[in-house]
């Protein structure tokens, strides 16, 4: 192991679609630019307290200065499923050109450490807020890595797993946005939003959700004062510019912000009392749309929309994947949220076992009938380590993780993979048609602010880019007709 003084540490967030300079970045998200990871930046901030020369790179917003990476003592690489292949490529590149220790972590590495450990020296499991400091201390002092939350190969090439780690209770670290290379410069792009993550964990257990597997079912929260200070710093970071951004909005990225209702009310009141005047968006389960007190507070605090994780539009799908929702209640929640002056976004999944041809058209009709704005429509997710992945291993077309971003990667029960891909294309084309673009930009709807109109314009071009990619894959998917 180590037994050396650690003087320089670097963090890297890999990206499938790596950043490059392009006019497309002005209006299309996730083509060559996307919002970088808050979680990895939080770890960077924690490590900065003990190793002064600490910096993070995100391939989502900049190119990596490899000369700065190669002379680091330790390089931490955070991966999700979709960017795992790129993470493995980076790890190999560093090993070939440097003596730096390579450590991987993140959701995919944690749930699939036996795979990840083949590409690095060590895997840091779980959230890492506390274990990352233990790891650095152990490496520096050449002491055993016997604390929970580690995986690595020993001298005999045997896999060592030290067990699951209890998730950290104190999560009040405010990520220092200045520790990410080029972030300040790139914050001027309207396709990048300020983000704050206020709580972790979710009490529900939907079969396809990897976040519950990673963060657990016990909800842990940051103090309301801490959340407000993070918001204050985030707004300042994005707004300290000569020219104001068109898209002046901050995204509360919690998986289930409203799971602890008492705390959520305290946070919203703290935002109101802070005097910060800004626009916010948040994602939530449908139940918050039936909570009038919460909706009043959201509107008063400056929230302009709620993104519901709706996923399906029929009760049979909800039951199949253990999601406690009903179509009737979701429609009530949507309409009630809109009555309170909040826009409703929707996140949807196609490719459930009960879905048949025509589901794309039916979903598009549901979206338009219920005035859902800027929906995200994706194929069923199969993140390794989740119940739906384990149940569907024999249905997967391949394990090219780069495609595990909502593209079709499995044999649906009642369609071919190509037919499901076409349903995705159809749904997107209807919802993001030129007719809908014209309505979004030029309708007299007073609920549509200038910012909302520009958001739809950006989403229109983003979806156009997604459909182009989906169409390219259609020819290949047509080769997969026989279920295994």
Protein backbone atom coordinates (compact mmCIF):
# COMPACT_ATOMS: atom_id res chain seq x y z
CA UNK A 1 0.00 0.00 0.00
CA UNK A 2 1.09 3.60 0.45
CA UNK A 3 3.15 4.94 3.31
CA UNK A 4 3.75 8.29 1.63
CA UNK A 5 2.78 11.91 2.05
CA UNK A 6 -0.27 12.84 -0.03
CA UNK A 7 0.24 16.30 -1.51
CA UNK A 8 -1.93 16.36 -4.64
CA UNK A 9 -5.38 14.85 -5.34
CA UNK A 10 -7.55 15.11 -8.42
CA UNK A 11 -11.16 14.11 -9.08
CA UNK A 12 -12.57 13.30 -12.53
CA UNK A 13 -16.16 12.98 -13.73
CA UNK A 14 -16.15 11.10 -17.06
CA UNK A 15 -18.69 11.94 -19.76
CA UNK A 16 -20.15 9.96 -22.65
CA UNK A 17 -20.62 13.07 -24.73
CA UNK A 18 -17.48 14.95 -23.78
CA UNK A 19 -17.42 18.72 -23.79
CA UNK A 20 -16.26 20.51 -26.88
CA UNK A 21 -16.76 24.04 -28.09
CA UNK A 22 -19.88 24.22 -30.25
CA UNK A 23 -22.71 26.68 -30.96
CA UNK A 24 -25.02 23.76 -30.14
CA UNK A 25 -24.09 24.27 -26.47
CA UNK A 26 -26.10 27.49 -26.49
CA UNK A 27 -29.42 25.69 -26.86
CA UNK A 28 -29.00 21.90 -26.57
CA UNK A 29 -28.30 20.08 -23.31
CA UNK A 30 -26.23 16.89 -23.16
CA UNK A 31 -24.91 17.04 -26.71
CA UNK A 32 -21.48 18.40 -25.78
CA UNK A 33 -22.29 19.98 -22.42
CA UNK A 34 -24.27 19.09 -19.29
CA UNK A 35 -24.49 20.04 -15.61
CA UNK A 36 -21.63 18.42 -13.67
CA UNK A 37 -21.89 16.15 -10.62
CA UNK A 38 -22.72 17.78 -7.29
CA UNK A 39 -21.81 14.59 -5.41
CA UNK A 40 -18.25 14.40 -6.70
CA UNK A 41 -17.78 18.12 -6.06
CA UNK A 42 -18.93 17.56 -2.47
CA UNK A 43 -16.21 14.93 -2.00
CA UNK A 44 -13.67 17.30 -3.57
CA UNK A 45 -14.66 19.93 -1.01
CA UNK A 46 -14.27 17.48 1.87
CA UNK A 47 -10.82 16.35 0.72
CA UNK A 48 -9.67 19.95 0.19
CA UNK A 49 -9.81 20.33 4.00
CA UNK A 50 -6.89 17.92 4.45
CA UNK A 51 -5.05 18.13 1.09
CA UNK A 52 -4.74 21.71 -0.12
CA UNK A 53 -3.86 20.85 -3.72
CA UNK A 54 -7.22 19.30 -4.60
CA UNK A 55 -9.20 19.97 -7.77
CA UNK A 56 -12.02 18.39 -9.78
CA UNK A 57 -12.45 18.02 -13.53
CA UNK A 58 -15.73 17.26 -15.27
CA UNK A 59 -15.66 16.17 -18.89
CA UNK A 60 -19.21 17.53 -19.07
CA UNK A 61 -17.93 21.12 -19.08
CA UNK A 62 -14.23 21.04 -19.97
CA UNK A 63 -11.35 19.06 -21.34
CA UNK A 64 -9.07 17.45 -18.79
CA UNK A 65 -5.53 18.78 -18.40
CA UNK A 66 -3.80 15.41 -18.36
CA UNK A 67 -0.43 16.84 -17.39
CA UNK A 68 -2.11 18.03 -14.18
CA UNK A 69 -3.57 14.57 -13.59
CA UNK A 70 -0.47 12.48 -14.18
CA UNK A 71 1.57 13.95 -11.32
CA UNK A 72 -1.21 13.60 -8.74
CA UNK A 73 -0.76 11.18 -5.84
CA UNK A 74 -4.36 9.93 -6.00
CA UNK A 75 -7.01 10.29 -8.72
CA UNK A 76 -10.64 9.61 -7.79
CA UNK A 77 -13.01 8.78 -10.67
CA UNK A 78 -16.79 8.85 -10.06
CA UNK A 79 -18.96 6.76 -12.38
CA UNK A 80 -22.60 6.13 -13.11
CA UNK A 81 -23.62 3.24 -15.37
CA UNK A 82 -23.77 5.31 -18.55
CA UNK A 83 -20.26 6.74 -18.16
CA UNK A 84 -18.60 3.65 -16.67
CA UNK A 85 -16.86 2.63 -19.95
CA UNK A 86 -15.36 6.10 -20.26
CA UNK A 87 -14.34 5.95 -16.60
CA UNK A 88 -12.56 2.64 -17.21
CA UNK A 89 -10.84 4.14 -20.25
CA UNK A 90 -9.61 7.10 -18.17
CA UNK A 91 -8.36 4.79 -15.42
CA UNK A 92 -6.37 2.76 -17.94
CA UNK A 93 -4.93 5.93 -19.50
CA UNK A 94 -3.77 7.24 -16.13
CA UNK A 95 -2.18 3.91 -15.22
CA UNK A 96 -0.29 3.85 -18.52
CA UNK A 97 1.10 7.36 -18.07
CA UNK A 98 1.38 7.88 -14.34
CA UNK A 99 2.20 6.34 -10.98
CA UNK A 100 -0.93 7.92 -9.46
CA UNK A 101 -3.19 5.70 -7.39
CA UNK A 102 -6.56 5.28 -9.16
CA UNK A 103 -9.67 4.99 -6.99
CA UNK A 104 -13.19 4.59 -8.40
CA UNK A 105 -16.50 5.32 -6.74
CA UNK A 106 -20.02 6.42 -7.51
CA UNK A 107 -23.29 4.58 -8.00
CA UNK A 108 -22.16 2.09 -10.66
CA UNK A 109 -18.85 1.28 -8.99
CA UNK A 110 -20.58 0.79 -5.63
CA UNK A 111 -23.26 -1.56 -6.95
CA UNK A 112 -20.81 -3.38 -9.25
CA UNK A 113 -17.52 -3.27 -7.42
CA UNK A 114 -16.40 -6.67 -8.75
CA UNK A 115 -16.44 -5.17 -12.26
CA UNK A 116 -15.01 -1.77 -11.31
CA UNK A 117 -12.09 -3.17 -9.32
CA UNK A 118 -10.70 -4.73 -12.50
CA UNK A 119 -9.95 -1.22 -13.77
CA UNK A 120 -8.48 0.55 -10.74
CA UNK A 121 -6.51 0.07 -7.54
CA UNK A 122 -9.40 0.50 -5.13
CA UNK A 123 -13.16 1.04 -5.15
CA UNK A 124 -14.73 3.34 -2.57
CA UNK A 125 -18.27 2.13 -1.88
CA UNK A 126 -21.33 4.19 -1.03
CA UNK A 127 -21.42 7.92 -0.43
CA UNK A 128 -17.82 8.43 0.65
CA UNK A 129 -18.20 11.58 2.77
CA UNK A 130 -16.47 9.90 5.70
CA UNK A 131 -14.70 6.89 4.16
CA UNK A 132 -12.73 8.99 1.70
CA UNK A 133 -10.87 10.64 4.56
CA UNK A 134 -10.27 7.26 6.21
CA UNK A 135 -8.90 5.95 2.95
CA UNK A 136 -6.48 8.85 2.45
CA UNK A 137 -5.31 8.57 6.06
CA UNK A 138 -4.81 4.79 5.77
CA UNK A 139 -2.92 5.09 2.51
CA UNK A 140 -0.72 7.86 3.85
CA UNK A 141 0.13 5.94 7.02
CA UNK A 142 0.31 2.48 5.44
CA UNK A 143 -2.39 1.07 7.72
CA UNK A 144 -4.85 -1.71 6.73
CA UNK A 145 -7.90 -0.89 4.63
CA UNK A 146 -10.14 -2.90 6.91
CA UNK A 147 -12.89 -0.36 7.48
CA UNK A 148 -16.31 -0.85 5.83
CA UNK A 149 -16.85 0.57 2.36
CA UNK A 150 -13.84 -0.71 0.40
CA UNK A 151 -13.21 -3.23 -2.39
CA UNK A 152 -9.85 -4.14 -3.92
CA UNK A 153 -7.65 -7.00 -5.09
CA UNK A 154 -5.02 -8.33 -2.69
CA UNK A 155 -1.52 -9.52 -3.63
CA UNK A 156 -2.96 -12.89 -4.65
CA UNK A 157 -5.49 -11.22 -6.95
CA UNK A 158 -8.36 -12.19 -4.64
CA UNK A 159 -11.27 -9.79 -4.34
CA UNK A 160 -11.47 -8.17 -0.91
CA UNK A 161 -14.78 -6.60 0.13
CA UNK A 162 -14.87 -4.96 3.56
CA UNK A 163 -18.67 -4.76 3.81
CA UNK A 164 -21.32 -2.11 3.44
CA UNK A 165 -20.79 1.16 5.20
CA UNK A 166 -23.40 2.96 7.28
CA UNK A 167 -24.39 6.06 5.28
CA UNK A 168 -23.10 9.36 6.71
CA UNK A 169 -25.54 11.22 8.93
CA UNK A 170 -23.90 14.64 8.69
CA UNK A 171 -24.33 15.72 5.06
CA UNK A 172 -24.12 19.48 5.60
CA UNK A 173 -21.06 19.99 3.40
CA UNK A 174 -21.64 22.84 0.95
CA UNK A 175 -19.78 22.01 -2.28
CA UNK A 176 -17.18 24.62 -3.19
CA UNK A 177 -18.03 25.30 -6.82
CA UNK A 178 -14.72 27.07 -7.35
CA UNK A 179 -12.89 23.73 -6.92
CA UNK A 180 -14.16 22.48 -10.28
CA UNK A 181 -11.91 23.37 -13.19
CA UNK A 182 -13.54 25.91 -15.57
CA UNK A 183 -16.91 25.73 -13.77
CA UNK A 184 -17.07 29.47 -13.14
CA UNK A 185 -16.46 30.19 -16.82
CA UNK A 186 -19.01 27.62 -17.99
CA UNK A 187 -21.70 28.75 -15.54
CA UNK A 188 -22.62 31.41 -18.08
CA UNK A 189 -24.20 28.79 -20.34
CA UNK A 190 -27.98 28.73 -20.11
CA UNK A 191 -27.88 24.96 -20.67
CA UNK A 192 -26.24 24.50 -17.24
CA UNK A 193 -28.33 25.03 -14.12
CA UNK A 194 -27.33 25.73 -10.54
CA UNK A 195 -28.04 22.72 -8.32
CA UNK A 196 -28.46 22.01 -4.62
CA UNK A 197 -28.93 18.55 -3.11
CA UNK A 198 -30.66 18.95 0.26
CA UNK A 199 -31.39 15.38 1.38
CA UNK A 200 -30.48 11.79 0.57
CA UNK A 201 -32.46 8.57 0.55
CA UNK A 202 -36.04 7.60 -0.26
CA UNK A 203 -38.49 5.48 1.78
CA UNK A 204 -39.97 3.87 -1.34
CA UNK A 205 -38.56 0.89 -3.21
CA UNK A 206 -39.42 1.04 -6.92
CA UNK A 207 -37.81 -1.90 -8.73
CA UNK A 208 -35.99 0.19 -11.36
CA UNK A 209 -34.59 2.83 -9.01
CA UNK A 210 -30.84 2.61 -8.40
CA UNK A 211 -30.76 5.65 -6.11
CA UNK A 212 -32.56 3.82 -3.31
CA UNK A 213 -30.00 1.03 -3.57
CA UNK A 214 -27.19 3.56 -3.31
CA UNK A 215 -28.53 6.04 -0.74
CA UNK A 216 -30.84 3.76 1.22
CA UNK A 217 -34.46 4.02 2.34
CA UNK A 218 -33.78 6.16 5.39
CA UNK A 219 -34.06 9.85 4.51
CA UNK A 220 -31.20 12.01 5.83
CA UNK A 221 -31.50 15.77 5.67
CA UNK A 222 -29.32 18.86 5.82
CA UNK A 223 -30.27 21.65 8.20
CA UNK A 224 -32.59 24.28 6.67
CA UNK A 225 -29.98 26.98 7.36
CA UNK A 226 -27.34 24.96 5.57
CA UNK A 227 -29.59 24.40 2.55
CA UNK A 228 -30.34 28.12 2.31
CA UNK A 229 -26.65 28.99 2.49
CA UNK A 230 -25.93 26.50 -0.30
CA UNK A 231 -28.69 28.13 -2.38
CA UNK A 232 -27.26 31.57 -1.64
CA UNK A 233 -23.79 30.49 -2.77
CA UNK A 234 -25.16 28.70 -5.83
CA UNK A 235 -27.15 31.74 -6.97
CA UNK A 236 -24.15 34.02 -6.43
CA UNK A 237 -21.86 31.67 -8.35
CA UNK A 238 -24.16 31.65 -11.38
CA UNK A 239 -25.22 35.29 -11.23
CA UNK A 240 -21.92 37.12 -10.63
CA UNK A 241 -21.68 38.08 -14.27
CA UNK A 242 -21.78 41.20 -16.38
CA UNK A 243 -24.74 39.87 -18.34
CA UNK A 244 -27.64 38.13 -16.61
CA UNK A 245 -28.51 34.59 -17.66
CA UNK A 246 -31.76 34.04 -19.54
CA UNK A 247 -32.44 30.81 -17.64
CA UNK A 248 -32.27 32.04 -14.05
CA UNK A 249 -33.29 28.88 -12.24
CA UNK A 250 -31.90 26.62 -9.51
CA UNK A 251 -32.68 22.92 -9.36
CA UNK A 252 -33.23 21.18 -6.00
CA UNK A 253 -32.05 17.72 -7.11
CA UNK A 254 -33.27 15.55 -4.19
CA UNK A 255 -34.72 12.20 -5.11
CA UNK A 256 -37.61 12.73 -2.70
CA UNK A 257 -37.43 16.18 -1.07
CA UNK A 258 -40.91 15.83 0.44
CA UNK A 259 -40.40 12.46 2.15
CA UNK A 260 -39.85 14.27 5.46
CA UNK A 261 -42.78 16.68 5.32
CA UNK A 262 -41.94 18.61 8.51
CA UNK A 263 -38.37 19.23 7.35
CA UNK A 264 -39.49 20.19 3.82
CA UNK A 265 -41.82 22.84 5.27
CA UNK A 266 -38.97 24.17 7.43
CA UNK A 267 -36.69 24.44 4.40
CA UNK A 268 -39.31 26.23 2.32
CA UNK A 269 -40.00 28.70 5.13
CA UNK A 270 -36.25 29.26 5.49
CA UNK A 271 -36.01 30.07 1.78
CA UNK A 272 -38.93 32.50 2.10
CA UNK A 273 -37.39 34.17 5.17
CA UNK A 274 -33.97 34.43 3.50
CA UNK A 275 -35.19 37.08 1.08
CA UNK A 276 -33.46 35.33 -1.85
CA UNK A 277 -35.47 36.12 -4.96
CA UNK A 278 -34.91 33.39 -7.51
CA UNK A 279 -36.69 30.72 -9.54
CA UNK A 280 -36.54 27.07 -8.47
CA UNK A 281 -37.51 23.70 -9.85
CA UNK A 282 -37.80 20.44 -7.96
CA UNK A 283 -38.65 16.80 -8.61
CA UNK A 284 -41.19 14.93 -6.50
CA UNK A 285 -43.58 12.04 -6.19
CA UNK A 286 -47.16 12.86 -7.14
CA UNK A 287 -48.40 13.11 -3.51
CA UNK A 288 -47.05 16.64 -3.09
CA UNK A 289 -49.50 17.73 -5.78
CA UNK A 290 -52.33 16.89 -3.37
CA UNK A 291 -50.77 18.83 -0.48
CA UNK A 292 -52.19 22.37 -0.69
CA UNK A 293 -50.11 23.71 2.20
CA UNK A 294 -46.90 22.55 0.53
CA UNK A 295 -47.91 23.93 -2.86
CA UNK A 296 -48.64 27.35 -1.34
CA UNK A 297 -45.20 27.39 0.27
CA UNK A 298 -43.49 26.26 -2.96
CA UNK A 299 -45.10 29.10 -4.89
CA UNK A 300 -44.27 31.64 -2.18
CA UNK A 301 -40.62 30.49 -2.00
CA UNK A 302 -40.12 31.08 -5.73
CA UNK A 303 -40.66 27.64 -7.23
CA UNK A 304 -42.00 27.82 -10.76
CA UNK A 305 -42.51 24.12 -11.49
CA UNK A 306 -42.58 20.63 -10.05
CA UNK A 307 -41.14 17.68 -11.99
CA UNK A 308 -43.17 14.60 -11.13
CA UNK A 309 -41.55 11.18 -11.43
CA UNK A 310 -44.70 9.77 -13.01
CA UNK A 311 -43.04 6.99 -15.02
CA UNK A 312 -46.22 5.23 -16.21
CA UNK A 313 -49.77 6.16 -17.19
CA UNK A 314 -51.56 2.93 -16.26
CA UNK A 315 -52.16 1.20 -12.94
CA UNK A 316 -50.97 -2.18 -14.18
CA UNK A 317 -47.45 -0.82 -14.79
CA UNK A 318 -47.36 0.75 -11.34
CA UNK A 319 -48.21 -2.60 -9.76
CA UNK A 320 -45.68 -4.50 -11.87
CA UNK A 321 -42.77 -2.38 -10.64
CA UNK A 322 -43.96 -1.77 -7.07
CA UNK A 323 -44.58 1.94 -7.50
CA UNK A 324 -47.35 3.10 -5.20
CA UNK A 325 -49.28 5.35 -7.57
CA UNK A 326 -52.52 5.38 -9.53
CA UNK A 327 -53.37 7.14 -12.77
CA UNK A 328 -56.37 8.87 -11.18
CA UNK A 329 -54.37 10.28 -8.27
CA UNK A 330 -51.58 11.46 -10.56
CA UNK A 331 -54.01 13.38 -12.77
CA UNK A 332 -55.54 15.00 -9.67
CA UNK A 333 -52.08 15.95 -8.42
CA UNK A 334 -51.10 17.47 -11.78
CA UNK A 335 -54.23 19.60 -12.03
CA UNK A 336 -54.06 20.72 -8.41
CA UNK A 337 -50.41 21.74 -8.82
CA UNK A 338 -51.31 23.78 -11.87
CA UNK A 339 -54.16 25.47 -10.00
CA UNK A 340 -51.53 26.77 -7.59
CA UNK A 341 -49.70 28.45 -10.46
CA UNK A 342 -46.90 25.88 -10.77
CA UNK A 343 -45.96 24.25 -14.04
CA UNK A 344 -45.81 20.45 -14.06
CA UNK A 345 -43.05 18.52 -15.76
CA UNK A 346 -43.15 14.74 -16.14
CA UNK A 347 -40.59 11.94 -16.24
CA UNK A 348 -41.84 8.87 -18.12
CA UNK A 349 -40.72 5.31 -18.89
CA UNK A 350 -41.69 3.20 -21.89
CA UNK A 351 -40.99 -0.51 -22.16
CA UNK A 352 -42.80 -1.99 -19.18
CA UNK A 353 -43.76 -5.64 -19.55
CA UNK A 354 -47.39 -4.74 -20.22
CA UNK A 355 -46.71 -2.02 -22.81
CA UNK A 356 -47.87 -2.66 -26.38
CA UNK A 357 -47.49 -0.90 -29.71
CA UNK A 358 -49.14 2.51 -29.63
CA UNK A 359 -47.93 3.32 -26.09
CA UNK A 360 -45.90 6.24 -27.46
CA UNK A 361 -48.98 7.85 -28.99
CA UNK A 362 -51.03 7.18 -25.85
CA UNK A 363 -48.33 8.73 -23.66
CA UNK A 364 -48.07 11.81 -25.89
CA UNK A 365 -51.84 12.28 -25.64
CA UNK A 366 -51.66 12.03 -21.84
CA UNK A 367 -48.90 14.64 -21.74
CA UNK A 368 -50.70 17.13 -23.98
CA UNK A 369 -54.14 16.60 -22.39
CA UNK A 370 -52.72 17.32 -18.94
CA UNK A 371 -50.58 20.27 -20.02
CA UNK A 372 -47.32 18.67 -18.86
CA UNK A 373 -44.36 20.77 -19.98
CA UNK A 374 -40.92 19.61 -21.13
CA UNK A 375 -41.42 15.90 -20.34
CA UNK A 376 -38.53 13.44 -20.40
CA UNK A 377 -39.42 10.14 -22.09
CA UNK A 378 -37.03 7.19 -21.84
CA UNK A 379 -36.94 3.44 -22.17
CA UNK A 380 -36.89 1.25 -19.07
CA UNK A 381 -33.71 1.64 -17.03
CA UNK A 382 -31.67 -1.44 -16.13
CA UNK A 383 -28.98 -0.31 -13.72
CA UNK A 384 -26.92 -3.30 -12.53
CA UNK A 385 -27.72 -3.96 -8.88
CA UNK A 386 -31.41 -3.03 -9.05
CA UNK A 387 -34.26 -5.59 -8.85
CA UNK A 388 -35.43 -4.87 -12.40
CA UNK A 389 -31.93 -5.58 -13.72
CA UNK A 390 -31.69 -8.87 -11.85
CA UNK A 391 -35.15 -9.89 -13.04
CA UNK A 392 -34.41 -8.95 -16.66
CA UNK A 393 -30.88 -10.27 -17.26
CA UNK A 394 -32.18 -12.74 -19.82
CA UNK A 395 -33.98 -9.97 -21.71
CA UNK A 396 -30.99 -7.66 -22.23
CA UNK A 397 -29.67 -7.14 -25.75
CA UNK A 398 -26.19 -6.17 -24.56
CA UNK A 399 -24.30 -4.67 -21.63
CA UNK A 400 -22.80 -1.69 -23.42
CA UNK A 401 -23.30 0.62 -20.47
CA UNK A 402 -22.99 3.74 -22.64
CA UNK A 403 -26.43 2.94 -24.06
CA UNK A 404 -28.00 2.57 -20.62
CA UNK A 405 -29.28 6.14 -20.70
CA UNK A 406 -32.91 5.51 -21.52
CA UNK A 407 -32.27 3.96 -24.95
CA UNK A 408 -33.76 0.53 -25.68
CA UNK A 409 -31.41 -2.18 -24.38
CA UNK A 410 -33.84 -5.06 -23.81
CA UNK A 411 -36.47 -7.27 -25.42
CA UNK A 412 -39.88 -5.91 -24.37
CA UNK A 413 -42.60 -8.44 -23.62
CA UNK A 414 -45.06 -7.36 -26.33
CA UNK A 415 -42.88 -5.60 -28.90
CA UNK A 416 -39.55 -5.97 -30.61
CA UNK A 417 -36.72 -3.67 -29.44
CA UNK A 418 -36.99 -1.70 -32.69
CA UNK A 419 -40.74 -1.24 -32.21
CA UNK A 420 -40.18 0.10 -28.69
CA UNK A 421 -37.50 2.46 -29.99
CA UNK A 422 -40.00 3.73 -32.54
CA UNK A 423 -42.52 4.36 -29.74
CA UNK A 424 -39.94 6.59 -28.02
CA UNK A 425 -39.37 8.48 -31.26
CA UNK A 426 -43.10 8.85 -31.87
CA UNK A 427 -43.87 10.16 -28.38
CA UNK A 428 -41.05 12.71 -28.55
CA UNK A 429 -42.01 13.83 -32.07
CA UNK A 430 -45.62 14.50 -31.06
CA UNK A 431 -44.83 16.34 -27.82
CA UNK A 432 -41.96 18.31 -29.34
CA UNK A 433 -43.51 19.01 -32.72
CA UNK A 434 -43.24 22.35 -34.51
CA UNK A 435 -46.88 22.92 -33.62
CA UNK A 436 -46.12 22.54 -29.91
CA UNK A 437 -43.02 24.74 -30.27
CA UNK A 438 -45.14 27.47 -31.86
CA UNK A 439 -47.70 27.19 -29.04
CA UNK A 440 -44.98 27.37 -26.39
CA UNK A 441 -43.32 30.43 -27.90
CA UNK A 442 -46.31 32.46 -29.04
CA UNK A 443 -49.35 31.41 -27.00
CA UNK A 444 -51.03 34.00 -24.78
CA UNK A 445 -50.77 31.66 -21.77
CA UNK A 446 -49.80 33.98 -18.91
CA UNK A 447 -48.38 31.03 -16.95
CA UNK A 448 -45.61 30.71 -19.52
CA UNK A 449 -42.87 33.12 -18.53
CA UNK A 450 -40.11 34.15 -20.92
CA UNK A 451 -37.83 31.70 -19.11
CA UNK A 452 -40.35 28.88 -19.61
CA UNK A 453 -40.65 29.64 -23.31
CA UNK A 454 -36.87 29.57 -23.69
CA UNK A 455 -36.72 26.32 -21.73
CA UNK A 456 -39.11 24.66 -24.18
CA UNK A 457 -37.04 25.99 -27.09
CA UNK A 458 -33.95 24.34 -25.59
CA UNK A 459 -35.86 21.12 -24.90
CA UNK A 460 -37.16 21.14 -28.48
CA UNK A 461 -33.62 21.07 -29.89
CA UNK A 462 -32.46 18.59 -27.23
CA UNK A 463 -35.27 16.17 -28.12
CA UNK A 464 -34.53 16.64 -31.80
CA UNK A 465 -30.94 15.56 -31.08
CA UNK A 466 -32.16 12.56 -29.04
CA UNK A 467 -34.52 11.45 -31.81
CA UNK A 468 -31.68 11.66 -34.32
CA UNK A 469 -29.62 9.30 -32.16
CA UNK A 470 -32.56 6.93 -31.64
CA UNK A 471 -33.20 6.77 -35.38
CA UNK A 472 -29.56 5.88 -36.03
CA UNK A 473 -29.90 2.91 -33.68
CA UNK A 474 -33.11 1.64 -35.30
CA UNK A 475 -31.33 -0.25 -38.09
CA UNK A 476 -29.20 -2.15 -35.59
CA UNK A 477 -32.14 -2.87 -33.28
CA UNK A 478 -34.08 -4.41 -36.15
CA UNK A 479 -31.60 -7.29 -36.02
CA UNK A 480 -32.92 -8.25 -32.57
CA UNK A 481 -36.23 -9.92 -33.21
CA UNK A 482 -36.03 -13.25 -31.40
CA UNK A 483 -36.24 -13.18 -27.64
CA UNK A 484 -33.48 -15.23 -25.94
